[in-house]
Amino acid sequence: MIDFTPNQRAEMIEHVRAYCSNELSIELGRFDAEFLVDFFTREIAPYYYNQGLLDAQAALLKRMDDVKEAIMSLEKPTP
């Protein structure tokens, strides 16, 4: 499971409670919101985490290609 600081966790819980209240007209208690945050952290967050890793890898590979091209442009012609 992905670890969050107590402050991050508290913020997520409040965001869930506010969303449920504002968008769904459901008053969710803190205890229920904690279970929902735990569910998303355990079941949904890994998909976002893994996609973030893939995005970071793609960005790094693009930069590496740019560096490779820059180095190749420095080559001098040989007879």
C-alpha atoms as a PDB file:
ATOM      1  CA  MET A   1       0.000   0.000   0.000  1.00  0.00           C
ATOM      2  CA  ILE A   2       1.184   3.535  -0.701  1.00  0.00           C
ATOM      3  CA  ASP A   3       2.182   5.410   2.450  1.00  0.00           C
ATOM      4  CA  PHE A   4       1.040   8.956   3.148  1.00  0.00           C
ATOM      5  CA  THR A   5       1.885  11.281   6.008  1.00  0.00           C
ATOM      6  CA  PRO A   6      -0.793  11.758   8.665  1.00  0.00           C
ATOM      7  CA  ASN A   7      -1.399  15.281   7.327  1.00  0.00           C
ATOM      8  CA  GLN A   8      -1.827  14.040   3.751  1.00  0.00           C
ATOM      9  CA  ARG A   9      -4.203  11.333   4.947  1.00  0.00           C
ATOM     10  CA  ALA A  10      -6.259  13.824   6.951  1.00  0.00           C
ATOM     11  CA  GLU A  11      -6.485  16.114   3.900  1.00  0.00           C
ATOM     12  CA  MET A  12      -7.639  13.242   1.697  1.00  0.00           C
ATOM     13  CA  ILE A  13     -10.287  12.261   4.217  1.00  0.00           C
ATOM     14  CA  GLU A  14     -11.606  15.825   4.324  1.00  0.00           C
ATOM     15  CA  HIS A  15     -11.599  16.017   0.517  1.00  0.00           C
ATOM     16  CA  VAL A  16     -13.669  12.815   0.344  1.00  0.00           C
ATOM     17  CA  ARG A  17     -16.103  14.125   2.937  1.00  0.00           C
ATOM     18  CA  ALA A  18     -16.446  17.457   1.124  1.00  0.00           C
ATOM     19  CA  TYR A  19     -16.917  15.765  -2.257  1.00  0.00           C
ATOM     20  CA  CYS A  20     -19.594  13.439  -0.925  1.00  0.00           C
ATOM     21  CA  SER A  21     -21.372  16.343   0.713  1.00  0.00           C
ATOM     22  CA  ASN A  22     -21.142  18.815  -2.179  1.00  0.00           C
ATOM     23  CA  GLU A  23     -21.517  16.517  -5.172  1.00  0.00           C
ATOM     24  CA  LEU A  24     -23.551  13.601  -3.863  1.00  0.00           C
ATOM     25  CA  SER A  25     -25.489  15.212  -0.996  1.00  0.00           C
ATOM     26  CA  ILE A  26     -24.195  12.479   1.313  1.00  0.00           C
ATOM     27  CA  GLU A  27     -22.942  13.358   4.777  1.00  0.00           C
ATOM     28  CA  LEU A  28     -20.089  10.943   5.288  1.00  0.00           C
ATOM     29  CA  GLY A  29     -18.647  10.523   8.760  1.00  0.00           C
ATOM     30  CA  ARG A  30     -14.910  10.632   9.334  1.00  0.00           C
ATOM     31  CA  PHE A  31     -14.762   6.898  10.062  1.00  0.00           C
ATOM     32  CA  ASP A  32     -16.522   5.997   6.783  1.00  0.00           C
ATOM     33  CA  ALA A  33     -14.369   8.477   4.862  1.00  0.00           C
ATOM     34  CA  GLU A  34     -11.238   6.825   6.310  1.00  0.00           C
ATOM     35  CA  PHE A  35     -12.401   3.446   5.019  1.00  0.00           C
ATOM     36  CA  LEU A  36     -13.068   4.962   1.598  1.00  0.00           C
ATOM     37  CA  VAL A  37      -9.612   6.573   1.511  1.00  0.00           C
ATOM     38  CA  ASP A  38      -8.071   3.238   2.525  1.00  0.00           C
ATOM     39  CA  PHE A  39      -9.984   1.513  -0.284  1.00  0.00           C
ATOM     40  CA  PHE A  40      -8.807   4.021  -2.900  1.00  0.00           C
ATOM     41  CA  THR A  41      -5.256   3.886  -1.581  1.00  0.00           C
ATOM     42  CA  ARG A  42      -5.190   0.107  -1.708  1.00  0.00           C
ATOM     43  CA  GLU A  43      -7.210  -0.557  -4.883  1.00  0.00           C
ATOM     44  CA  ILE A  44      -7.031   2.543  -7.121  1.00  0.00           C
ATOM     45  CA  ALA A  45      -3.875   4.475  -6.237  1.00  0.00           C
ATOM     46  CA  PRO A  46      -1.480   1.816  -7.620  1.00  0.00           C
ATOM     47  CA  TYR A  47      -2.888   2.424 -11.114  1.00  0.00           C
ATOM     48  CA  TYR A  48      -2.104   6.148 -10.826  1.00  0.00           C
ATOM     49  CA  TYR A  49       1.300   5.421  -9.304  1.00  0.00           C
ATOM     50  CA  ASN A  50       2.229   2.994 -12.079  1.00  0.00           C
ATOM     51  CA  GLN A  51       1.049   5.422 -14.766  1.00  0.00           C
ATOM     52  CA  GLY A  52       3.170   8.118 -13.135  1.00  0.00           C
ATOM     53  CA  LEU A  53       6.191   5.831 -13.378  1.00  0.00           C
ATOM     54  CA  LEU A  54       5.477   5.178 -17.061  1.00  0.00           C
ATOM     55  CA  ASP A  55       5.089   8.911 -17.704  1.00  0.00           C
ATOM     56  CA  ALA A  56       8.367   9.634 -15.915  1.00  0.00           C
ATOM     57  CA  GLN A  57      10.131   6.921 -17.911  1.00  0.00           C
ATOM     58  CA  ALA A  58       8.773   8.320 -21.197  1.00  0.00           C
ATOM     59  CA  ALA A  59       9.892  11.844 -20.248  1.00  0.00           C
ATOM     60  CA  LEU A  60      13.355  10.564 -19.340  1.00  0.00           C
ATOM     61  CA  LEU A  61      13.678   8.594 -22.580  1.00  0.00           C
ATOM     62  CA  LYS A  62      12.683  11.687 -24.566  1.00  0.00           C
ATOM     63  CA  ARG A  63      15.352  13.723 -22.787  1.00  0.00           C
ATOM     64  CA  MET A  64      17.914  11.002 -23.416  1.00  0.00           C
ATOM     65  CA  ASP A  65      17.039  11.042 -27.132  1.00  0.00           C
ATOM     66  CA  ASP A  66      17.479  14.825 -27.146  1.00  0.00           C
ATOM     67  CA  VAL A  67      20.909  14.486 -25.513  1.00  0.00           C
ATOM     68  CA  LYS A  68      21.878  11.745 -27.960  1.00  0.00           C
ATOM     69  CA  GLU A  69      20.918  13.988 -30.892  1.00  0.00           C
ATOM     70  CA  ALA A  70      22.809  16.939 -29.396  1.00  0.00           C
ATOM     71  CA  ILE A  71      25.944  14.822 -29.001  1.00  0.00           C
ATOM     72  CA  MET A  72      25.639  13.442 -32.518  1.00  0.00           C
ATOM     73  CA  SER A  73      25.352  16.986 -33.886  1.00  0.00           C
ATOM     74  CA  LEU A  74      28.810  17.699 -32.432  1.00  0.00           C
ATOM     75  CA  GLU A  75      30.477  15.049 -34.544  1.00  0.00           C
ATOM     76  CA  LYS A  76      33.054  16.308 -37.001  1.00  0.00           C
ATOM     77  CA  PRO A  77      33.269  14.971 -40.526  1.00  0.00           C
ATOM     78  CA  THR A  78      36.094  12.566 -41.172  1.00  0.00           C
ATOM     79  CA  PRO A  79      37.956  12.127 -44.446  1.00  0.00           C
END
